[in-house]
PDB file of all heavy atoms in Angstrom:
ATOM      1  N   THR A   1       4.765 -14.483  -4.724  1.00  0.00           N
ATOM      2  CA  THR A   1       3.478 -14.812  -4.120  1.00  0.00           C
ATOM      3  C   THR A   1       3.098 -13.582  -3.315  1.00  0.00           C
ATOM      4  O   THR A   1       3.945 -12.774  -2.954  1.00  0.00           O
ATOM      5  CB  THR A   1       3.565 -16.053  -3.205  1.00  0.00           C
ATOM      6  OG1 THR A   1       4.522 -15.806  -2.185  1.00  0.00           O
ATOM      7  CG2 THR A   1       3.950 -17.291  -4.004  1.00  0.00           C
ATOM      8  N   GLY A   2       1.847 -13.414  -3.051  1.00  0.00           N
ATOM      9  CA  GLY A   2       1.412 -12.226  -2.328  1.00  0.00           C
ATOM     10  C   GLY A   2       1.228 -11.057  -3.269  1.00  0.00           C
ATOM     11  O   GLY A   2       1.255 -11.198  -4.488  1.00  0.00           O
ATOM     12  N   LYS A   3       1.050  -9.901  -2.678  1.00  0.00           N
ATOM     13  CA  LYS A   3       0.774  -8.701  -3.460  1.00  0.00           C
ATOM     14  C   LYS A   3       2.062  -8.014  -3.879  1.00  0.00           C
ATOM     15  O   LYS A   3       2.994  -7.898  -3.093  1.00  0.00           O
ATOM     16  CB  LYS A   3      -0.067  -7.715  -2.645  1.00  0.00           C
ATOM     17  CG  LYS A   3      -1.450  -8.228  -2.329  1.00  0.00           C
ATOM     18  CD  LYS A   3      -2.214  -7.230  -1.485  1.00  0.00           C
ATOM     19  CE  LYS A   3      -3.586  -7.803  -1.137  1.00  0.00           C
ATOM     20  NZ  LYS A   3      -4.314  -6.900  -0.253  1.00  0.00           N
ATOM     21  N   LEU A   4       2.090  -7.539  -5.087  1.00  0.00           N
ATOM     22  CA  LEU A   4       3.218  -6.747  -5.571  1.00  0.00           C
ATOM     23  C   LEU A   4       2.805  -5.294  -5.493  1.00  0.00           C
ATOM     24  O   LEU A   4       1.720  -4.919  -5.910  1.00  0.00           O
ATOM     25  CB  LEU A   4       3.555  -7.109  -7.022  1.00  0.00           C
ATOM     26  CG  LEU A   4       4.773  -6.413  -7.608  1.00  0.00           C
ATOM     27  CD1 LEU A   4       6.036  -6.860  -6.877  1.00  0.00           C
ATOM     28  CD2 LEU A   4       4.890  -6.708  -9.089  1.00  0.00           C
ATOM     29  N   ARG A   5       3.665  -4.496  -4.928  1.00  0.00           N
ATOM     30  CA  ARG A   5       3.330  -3.084  -4.821  1.00  0.00           C
ATOM     31  C   ARG A   5       4.373  -2.256  -5.549  1.00  0.00           C
ATOM     32  O   ARG A   5       5.439  -2.738  -5.895  1.00  0.00           O
ATOM     33  CB  ARG A   5       3.204  -2.681  -3.365  1.00  0.00           C
ATOM     34  CG  ARG A   5       4.448  -2.886  -2.524  1.00  0.00           C
ATOM     35  CD  ARG A   5       4.117  -2.589  -1.060  1.00  0.00           C
ATOM     36  NE  ARG A   5       5.294  -2.425  -0.268  1.00  0.00           N
ATOM     37  CZ  ARG A   5       5.814  -3.359   0.511  1.00  0.00           C
ATOM     38  NH1 ARG A   5       5.244  -4.546   0.579  1.00  0.00           N
ATOM     39  NH2 ARG A   5       6.888  -3.121   1.213  1.00  0.00           N
ATOM     40  N   ASP A   6       4.045  -1.013  -5.740  1.00  0.00           N
ATOM     41  CA  ASP A   6       4.950  -0.079  -6.395  1.00  0.00           C
ATOM     42  C   ASP A   6       6.027   0.326  -5.391  1.00  0.00           C
ATOM     43  O   ASP A   6       5.745   0.925  -4.367  1.00  0.00           O
ATOM     44  CB  ASP A   6       4.171   1.153  -6.872  1.00  0.00           C
ATOM     45  CG  ASP A   6       5.043   2.176  -7.547  1.00  0.00           C
ATOM     46  OD1 ASP A   6       6.205   1.851  -7.889  1.00  0.00           O
ATOM     47  OD2 ASP A   6       4.584   3.307  -7.726  1.00  0.00           O
ATOM     48  N   PHE A   7       7.263  -0.033  -5.682  1.00  0.00           N
ATOM     49  CA  PHE A   7       8.368   0.242  -4.771  1.00  0.00           C
ATOM     50  C   PHE A   7       9.017   1.600  -5.013  1.00  0.00           C
ATOM     51  O   PHE A   7       9.953   1.963  -4.320  1.00  0.00           O
ATOM     52  CB  PHE A   7       9.455  -0.827  -4.922  1.00  0.00           C
ATOM     53  CG  PHE A   7       9.015  -2.206  -4.546  1.00  0.00           C
ATOM     54  CD1 PHE A   7       8.978  -3.216  -5.486  1.00  0.00           C
ATOM     55  CD2 PHE A   7       8.651  -2.497  -3.243  1.00  0.00           C
ATOM     56  CE1 PHE A   7       8.594  -4.498  -5.139  1.00  0.00           C
ATOM     57  CE2 PHE A   7       8.263  -3.772  -2.885  1.00  0.00           C
ATOM     58  CZ  PHE A   7       8.229  -4.775  -3.830  1.00  0.00           C
ATOM     59  N   SER A   8       8.567   2.356  -5.999  1.00  0.00           N
ATOM     60  CA  SER A   8       9.280   3.560  -6.429  1.00  0.00           C
ATOM     61  C   SER A   8       9.393   4.624  -5.338  1.00  0.00           C
ATOM     62  O   SER A   8      10.369   5.370  -5.313  1.00  0.00           O
ATOM     63  CB  SER A   8       8.636   4.145  -7.682  1.00  0.00           C
ATOM     64  OG  SER A   8       7.290   4.494  -7.437  1.00  0.00           O
ATOM     65  N   ASP A   9       8.428   4.724  -4.432  1.00  0.00           N
ATOM     66  CA  ASP A   9       8.474   5.759  -3.400  1.00  0.00           C
ATOM     67  C   ASP A   9       8.945   5.239  -2.050  1.00  0.00           C
ATOM     68  O   ASP A   9       8.964   5.979  -1.077  1.00  0.00           O
ATOM     69  CB  ASP A   9       7.090   6.395  -3.227  1.00  0.00           C
ATOM     70  CG  ASP A   9       6.667   7.182  -4.450  1.00  0.00           C
ATOM     71  OD1 ASP A   9       7.553   7.647  -5.182  1.00  0.00           O
ATOM     72  OD2 ASP A   9       5.461   7.311  -4.678  1.00  0.00           O
ATOM     73  N   GLU A  10       9.335   3.978  -1.980  1.00  0.00           N
ATOM     74  CA  GLU A  10       9.721   3.399  -0.703  1.00  0.00           C
ATOM     75  C   GLU A  10      11.220   3.544  -0.459  1.00  0.00           C
ATOM     76  O   GLU A  10      12.020   3.525  -1.381  1.00  0.00           O
ATOM     77  CB  GLU A  10       9.341   1.921  -0.652  1.00  0.00           C
ATOM     78  CG  GLU A  10       7.838   1.720  -0.625  1.00  0.00           C
ATOM     79  CD  GLU A  10       7.439   0.298  -0.352  1.00  0.00           C
ATOM     80  OE1 GLU A  10       7.901  -0.256   0.660  1.00  0.00           O
ATOM     81  OE2 GLU A  10       6.676  -0.254  -1.154  1.00  0.00           O
ATOM     82  N   VAL A  11      11.550   3.684   0.813  1.00  0.00           N
ATOM     83  CA  VAL A  11      12.946   3.689   1.236  1.00  0.00           C
ATOM     84  C   VAL A  11      13.148   2.408   2.038  1.00  0.00           C
ATOM     85  O   VAL A  11      12.450   2.163   3.024  1.00  0.00           O
ATOM     86  CB  VAL A  11      13.287   4.925   2.087  1.00  0.00           C
ATOM     87  CG1 VAL A  11      14.735   4.875   2.540  1.00  0.00           C
ATOM     88  CG2 VAL A  11      13.007   6.200   1.301  1.00  0.00           C
ATOM     89  N   PHE A  12      14.079   1.589   1.588  1.00  0.00           N
ATOM     90  CA  PHE A  12      14.306   0.286   2.193  1.00  0.00           C
ATOM     91  C   PHE A  12      15.479   0.310   3.148  1.00  0.00           C
ATOM     92  O   PHE A  12      16.480   0.986   2.909  1.00  0.00           O
ATOM     93  CB  PHE A  12      14.581  -0.768   1.115  1.00  0.00           C
ATOM     94  CG  PHE A  12      13.402  -1.038   0.241  1.00  0.00           C
ATOM     95  CD1 PHE A  12      13.252  -0.385  -0.968  1.00  0.00           C
ATOM     96  CD2 PHE A  12      12.430  -1.927   0.635  1.00  0.00           C
ATOM     97  CE1 PHE A  12      12.164  -0.622  -1.767  1.00  0.00           C
ATOM     98  CE2 PHE A  12      11.331  -2.172  -0.158  1.00  0.00           C
ATOM     99  CZ  PHE A  12      11.200  -1.515  -1.365  1.00  0.00           C
ATOM    100  N   VAL A  13      15.343  -0.467   4.213  1.00  0.00           N
ATOM    101  CA  VAL A  13      16.442  -0.723   5.132  1.00  0.00           C
ATOM    102  C   VAL A  13      16.542  -2.235   5.254  1.00  0.00           C
ATOM    103  O   VAL A  13      15.553  -2.902   5.597  1.00  0.00           O
ATOM    104  CB  VAL A  13      16.202  -0.086   6.521  1.00  0.00           C
ATOM    105  CG1 VAL A  13      17.315  -0.483   7.491  1.00  0.00           C
ATOM    106  CG2 VAL A  13      16.101   1.419   6.410  1.00  0.00           C
ATOM    107  N   ALA A  14      17.707  -2.769   4.942  1.00  0.00           N
ATOM    108  CA  ALA A  14      17.928  -4.207   5.086  1.00  0.00           C
ATOM    109  C   ALA A  14      18.327  -4.496   6.528  1.00  0.00           C
ATOM    110  O   ALA A  14      19.271  -3.913   7.049  1.00  0.00           O
ATOM    111  CB  ALA A  14      19.010  -4.667   4.129  1.00  0.00           C
ATOM    112  N   VAL A  15      17.565  -5.357   7.169  1.00  0.00           N
ATOM    113  CA  VAL A  15      17.889  -5.810   8.518  1.00  0.00           C
ATOM    114  C   VAL A  15      18.107  -7.312   8.402  1.00  0.00           C
ATOM    115  O   VAL A  15      17.159  -8.073   8.200  1.00  0.00           O
ATOM    116  CB  VAL A  15      16.765  -5.474   9.529  1.00  0.00           C
ATOM    117  CG1 VAL A  15      17.136  -5.971  10.932  1.00  0.00           C
ATOM    118  CG2 VAL A  15      16.495  -3.977   9.549  1.00  0.00           C
ATOM    119  N   VAL A  16      19.365  -7.701   8.478  1.00  0.00           N
ATOM    120  CA  VAL A  16      19.739  -9.102   8.272  1.00  0.00           C
ATOM    121  C   VAL A  16      20.709  -9.540   9.366  1.00  0.00           C
ATOM    122  O   VAL A  16      21.327  -8.715  10.035  1.00  0.00           O
ATOM    123  CB  VAL A  16      20.395  -9.304   6.887  1.00  0.00           C
ATOM    124  CG1 VAL A  16      19.439  -8.945   5.772  1.00  0.00           C
ATOM    125  CG2 VAL A  16      21.678  -8.504   6.767  1.00  0.00           C
ATOM    126  N   GLY A  17      20.828 -10.824   9.516  1.00  0.00           N
ATOM    127  CA  GLY A  17      21.765 -11.345  10.498  1.00  0.00           C
ATOM    128  C   GLY A  17      21.774 -12.855  10.489  1.00  0.00           C
ATOM    129  O   GLY A  17      21.181 -13.490   9.614  1.00  0.00           O
ATOM    130  N   PRO A  18      22.423 -13.435  11.486  1.00  0.00           N
ATOM    131  CA  PRO A  18      22.577 -14.897  11.499  1.00  0.00           C
ATOM    132  C   PRO A  18      21.267 -15.635  11.766  1.00  0.00           C
ATOM    133  O   PRO A  18      20.358 -15.110  12.408  1.00  0.00           O
ATOM    134  CB  PRO A  18      23.577 -15.129  12.631  1.00  0.00           C
ATOM    135  CG  PRO A  18      23.456 -13.941  13.511  1.00  0.00           C
ATOM    136  CD  PRO A  18      23.098 -12.792  12.612  1.00  0.00           C
ATOM    137  N   ARG A  19      21.211 -16.846  11.270  1.00  0.00           N
ATOM    138  CA  ARG A  19      20.048 -17.696  11.528  1.00  0.00           C
ATOM    139  C   ARG A  19      20.032 -18.157  12.978  1.00  0.00           C
ATOM    140  O   ARG A  19      18.981 -18.310  13.575  1.00  0.00           O
ATOM    141  CB  ARG A  19      20.068 -18.902  10.584  1.00  0.00           C
ATOM    142  CG  ARG A  19      19.770 -18.515   9.161  1.00  0.00           C
ATOM    143  CD  ARG A  19      19.673 -19.746   8.264  1.00  0.00           C
ATOM    144  NE  ARG A  19      19.390 -19.329   6.918  1.00  0.00           N
ATOM    145  CZ  ARG A  19      20.255 -19.384   5.916  1.00  0.00           C
ATOM    146  NH1 ARG A  19      21.457 -19.867   6.124  1.00  0.00           N
ATOM    147  NH2 ARG A  19      19.923 -18.977   4.728  1.00  0.00           N
ATOM    148  N   LYS A  20      21.207 -18.420  13.501  1.00  0.00           N
ATOM    149  CA  LYS A  20      21.317 -18.828  14.910  1.00  0.00           C
ATOM    150  C   LYS A  20      21.684 -17.591  15.711  1.00  0.00           C
ATOM    151  O   LYS A  20      22.849 -17.323  15.984  1.00  0.00           O
ATOM    152  CB  LYS A  20      22.368 -19.923  15.071  1.00  0.00           C
ATOM    153  CG  LYS A  20      21.973 -21.217  14.408  1.00  0.00           C
ATOM    154  CD  LYS A  20      23.000 -22.288  14.624  1.00  0.00           C
ATOM    155  CE  LYS A  20      22.564 -23.575  13.940  1.00  0.00           C
ATOM    156  NZ  LYS A  20      23.553 -24.645  14.129  1.00  0.00           N
ATOM    157  N   ALA A  21      20.674 -16.841  16.088  1.00  0.00           N
ATOM    158  CA  ALA A  21      20.870 -15.571  16.785  1.00  0.00           C
ATOM    159  C   ALA A  21      20.601 -15.731  18.272  1.00  0.00           C
ATOM    160  O   ALA A  21      19.841 -16.609  18.692  1.00  0.00           O
ATOM    161  CB  ALA A  21      19.936 -14.517  16.201  1.00  0.00           C
ATOM    162  N   SER A  22      21.185 -14.841  19.050  1.00  0.00           N
ATOM    163  CA  SER A  22      20.904 -14.820  20.488  1.00  0.00           C
ATOM    164  C   SER A  22      19.504 -14.241  20.710  1.00  0.00           C
ATOM    165  O   SER A  22      18.941 -13.574  19.839  1.00  0.00           O
ATOM    166  CB  SER A  22      21.945 -13.959  21.207  1.00  0.00           C
ATOM    167  OG  SER A  22      21.790 -12.600  20.824  1.00  0.00           O
ATOM    168  N   ASP A  23      18.972 -14.481  21.887  1.00  0.00           N
ATOM    169  CA  ASP A  23      17.674 -13.896  22.230  1.00  0.00           C
ATOM    170  C   ASP A  23      17.750 -12.374  22.154  1.00  0.00           C
ATOM    171  O   ASP A  23      16.834 -11.718  21.650  1.00  0.00           O
ATOM    172  CB  ASP A  23      17.228 -14.318  23.634  1.00  0.00           C
ATOM    173  CG  ASP A  23      16.819 -15.784  23.695  1.00  0.00           C
ATOM    174  OD1 ASP A  23      16.514 -16.357  22.624  1.00  0.00           O
ATOM    175  OD2 ASP A  23      16.809 -16.348  24.807  1.00  0.00           O
ATOM    176  N   TYR A  24      18.858 -11.821  22.664  1.00  0.00           N
ATOM    177  CA  TYR A  24      19.031 -10.374  22.615  1.00  0.00           C
ATOM    178  C   TYR A  24      19.039  -9.876  21.166  1.00  0.00           C
ATOM    179  O   TYR A  24      18.391  -8.873  20.844  1.00  0.00           O
ATOM    180  CB  TYR A  24      20.336  -9.943  23.305  1.00  0.00           C
ATOM    181  CG  TYR A  24      20.628  -8.480  23.077  1.00  0.00           C
ATOM    182  CD1 TYR A  24      19.935  -7.503  23.789  1.00  0.00           C
ATOM    183  CD2 TYR A  24      21.543  -8.074  22.113  1.00  0.00           C
ATOM    184  CE1 TYR A  24      20.157  -6.155  23.557  1.00  0.00           C
ATOM    185  CE2 TYR A  24      21.773  -6.734  21.871  1.00  0.00           C
ATOM    186  CZ  TYR A  24      21.085  -5.775  22.590  1.00  0.00           C
ATOM    187  OH  TYR A  24      21.297  -4.447  22.346  1.00  0.00           O
ATOM    188  N   GLY A  25      19.756 -10.559  20.288  1.00  0.00           N
ATOM    189  CA  GLY A  25      19.827 -10.165  18.883  1.00  0.00           C
ATOM    190  C   GLY A  25      18.457 -10.150  18.229  1.00  0.00           C
ATOM    191  O   GLY A  25      18.114  -9.220  17.491  1.00  0.00           O
ATOM    192  N   GLU A  26      17.680 -11.166  18.500  1.00  0.00           N
ATOM    193  CA  GLU A  26      16.327 -11.237  17.917  1.00  0.00           C
ATOM    194  C   GLU A  26      15.429 -10.130  18.468  1.00  0.00           C
ATOM    195  O   GLU A  26      14.683  -9.502  17.716  1.00  0.00           O
ATOM    196  CB  GLU A  26      15.718 -12.618  18.142  1.00  0.00           C
ATOM    197  CG  GLU A  26      16.372 -13.672  17.272  1.00  0.00           C
ATOM    198  CD  GLU A  26      15.678 -15.018  17.347  1.00  0.00           C
ATOM    199  OE1 GLU A  26      14.542 -15.101  17.860  1.00  0.00           O
ATOM    200  OE2 GLU A  26      16.287 -15.996  16.872  1.00  0.00           O
ATOM    201  N   ARG A  27      15.507  -9.881  19.783  1.00  0.00           N
ATOM    202  CA  ARG A  27      14.696  -8.797  20.371  1.00  0.00           C
ATOM    203  C   ARG A  27      15.106  -7.450  19.786  1.00  0.00           C
ATOM    204  O   ARG A  27      14.255  -6.613  19.461  1.00  0.00           O
ATOM    205  CB  ARG A  27      14.842  -8.783  21.889  1.00  0.00           C
ATOM    206  CG  ARG A  27      14.042  -9.849  22.603  1.00  0.00           C
ATOM    207  CD  ARG A  27      13.962  -9.611  24.115  1.00  0.00           C
ATOM    208  NE  ARG A  27      15.222  -9.243  24.739  1.00  0.00           N
ATOM    209  CZ  ARG A  27      16.136 -10.101  25.209  1.00  0.00           C
ATOM    210  NH1 ARG A  27      15.911 -11.406  25.123  1.00  0.00           N
ATOM    211  NH2 ARG A  27      17.251  -9.665  25.765  1.00  0.00           N
ATOM    212  N   ALA A  28      16.414  -7.240  19.635  1.00  0.00           N
ATOM    213  CA  ALA A  28      16.917  -5.973  19.093  1.00  0.00           C
ATOM    214  C   ALA A  28      16.469  -5.792  17.642  1.00  0.00           C
ATOM    215  O   ALA A  28      16.036  -4.701  17.249  1.00  0.00           O
ATOM    216  CB  ALA A  28      18.438  -5.910  19.200  1.00  0.00           C
ATOM    217  N   ALA A  29      16.544  -6.849  16.842  1.00  0.00           N
ATOM    218  CA  ALA A  29      16.134  -6.763  15.430  1.00  0.00           C
ATOM    219  C   ALA A  29      14.644  -6.475  15.321  1.00  0.00           C
ATOM    220  O   ALA A  29      14.215  -5.656  14.503  1.00  0.00           O
ATOM    221  CB  ALA A  29      16.482  -8.066  14.699  1.00  0.00           C
ATOM    222  N   ARG A  30      13.859  -7.122  16.172  1.00  0.00           N
ATOM    223  CA  ARG A  30      12.409  -6.917  16.151  1.00  0.00           C
ATOM    224  C   ARG A  30      12.061  -5.486  16.544  1.00  0.00           C
ATOM    225  O   ARG A  30      11.255  -4.820  15.883  1.00  0.00           O
ATOM    226  CB  ARG A  30      11.734  -7.920  17.073  1.00  0.00           C
ATOM    227  CG  ARG A  30      10.242  -7.957  16.954  1.00  0.00           C
ATOM    228  CD  ARG A  30       9.666  -9.126  17.726  1.00  0.00           C
ATOM    229  NE  ARG A  30       8.237  -9.206  17.556  1.00  0.00           N
ATOM    230  CZ  ARG A  30       7.525 -10.300  17.756  1.00  0.00           C
ATOM    231  NH1 ARG A  30       8.119 -11.415  18.120  1.00  0.00           N
ATOM    232  NH2 ARG A  30       6.229 -10.290  17.589  1.00  0.00           N
ATOM    233  N   SER A  31      12.702  -4.992  17.604  1.00  0.00           N
ATOM    234  CA  SER A  31      12.441  -3.631  18.079  1.00  0.00           C
ATOM    235  C   SER A  31      12.902  -2.586  17.065  1.00  0.00           C
ATOM    236  O   SER A  31      12.168  -1.639  16.756  1.00  0.00           O
ATOM    237  CB  SER A  31      13.162  -3.422  19.420  1.00  0.00           C
ATOM    238  OG  SER A  31      13.063  -2.084  19.826  1.00  0.00           O
ATOM    239  N   LEU A  32      14.097  -2.754  16.539  1.00  0.00           N
ATOM    240  CA  LEU A  32      14.627  -1.802  15.555  1.00  0.00           C
ATOM    241  C   LEU A  32      13.744  -1.749  14.314  1.00  0.00           C
ATOM    242  O   LEU A  32      13.416  -0.671  13.813  1.00  0.00           O
ATOM    243  CB  LEU A  32      16.057  -2.191  15.170  1.00  0.00           C
ATOM    244  CG  LEU A  32      16.715  -1.369  14.067  1.00  0.00           C
ATOM    245  CD1 LEU A  32      16.883   0.085  14.506  1.00  0.00           C
ATOM    246  CD2 LEU A  32      18.051  -1.977  13.689  1.00  0.00           C
ATOM    247  N   SER A  33      13.339  -2.910  13.836  1.00  0.00           N
ATOM    248  CA  SER A  33      12.494  -2.961  12.630  1.00  0.00           C
ATOM    249  C   SER A  33      11.131  -2.338  12.873  1.00  0.00           C
ATOM    250  O   SER A  33      10.585  -1.679  11.993  1.00  0.00           O
ATOM    251  CB  SER A  33      12.346  -4.399  12.150  1.00  0.00           C
ATOM    252  OG  SER A  33      13.598  -4.880  11.728  1.00  0.00           O
ATOM    253  N   ALA A  34      10.584  -2.520  14.056  1.00  0.00           N
ATOM    254  CA  ALA A  34       9.296  -1.894  14.384  1.00  0.00           C
ATOM    255  C   ALA A  34       9.441  -0.375  14.364  1.00  0.00           C
ATOM    256  O   ALA A  34       8.609   0.330  13.783  1.00  0.00           O
ATOM    257  CB  ALA A  34       8.806  -2.375  15.751  1.00  0.00           C
ATOM    258  N   ARG A  35      10.520   0.133  14.972  1.00  0.00           N
ATOM    259  CA  ARG A  35      10.731   1.588  14.984  1.00  0.00           C
ATOM    260  C   ARG A  35      10.957   2.132  13.584  1.00  0.00           C
ATOM    261  O   ARG A  35      10.427   3.181  13.217  1.00  0.00           O
ATOM    262  CB  ARG A  35      11.900   1.946  15.895  1.00  0.00           C
ATOM    263  CG  ARG A  35      11.539   1.787  17.371  1.00  0.00           C
ATOM    264  CD  ARG A  35      12.655   2.220  18.251  1.00  0.00           C
ATOM    265  NE  ARG A  35      13.800   1.346  17.957  1.00  0.00           N
ATOM    266  CZ  ARG A  35      14.857   1.207  18.717  1.00  0.00           C
ATOM    267  NH1 ARG A  35      14.978   1.893  19.817  1.00  0.00           N
ATOM    268  NH2 ARG A  35      15.819   0.383  18.393  1.00  0.00           N
TER     269      ARG A  35
END
């Protein structure tokens, strides 16, 4: 669903973790992913 784009020139970083995360973990993941 949504738009499919050409992934050939993209560099991916997987940011994954637990579903039940601490507040700190969620803030860190959000900040890191934004950067």
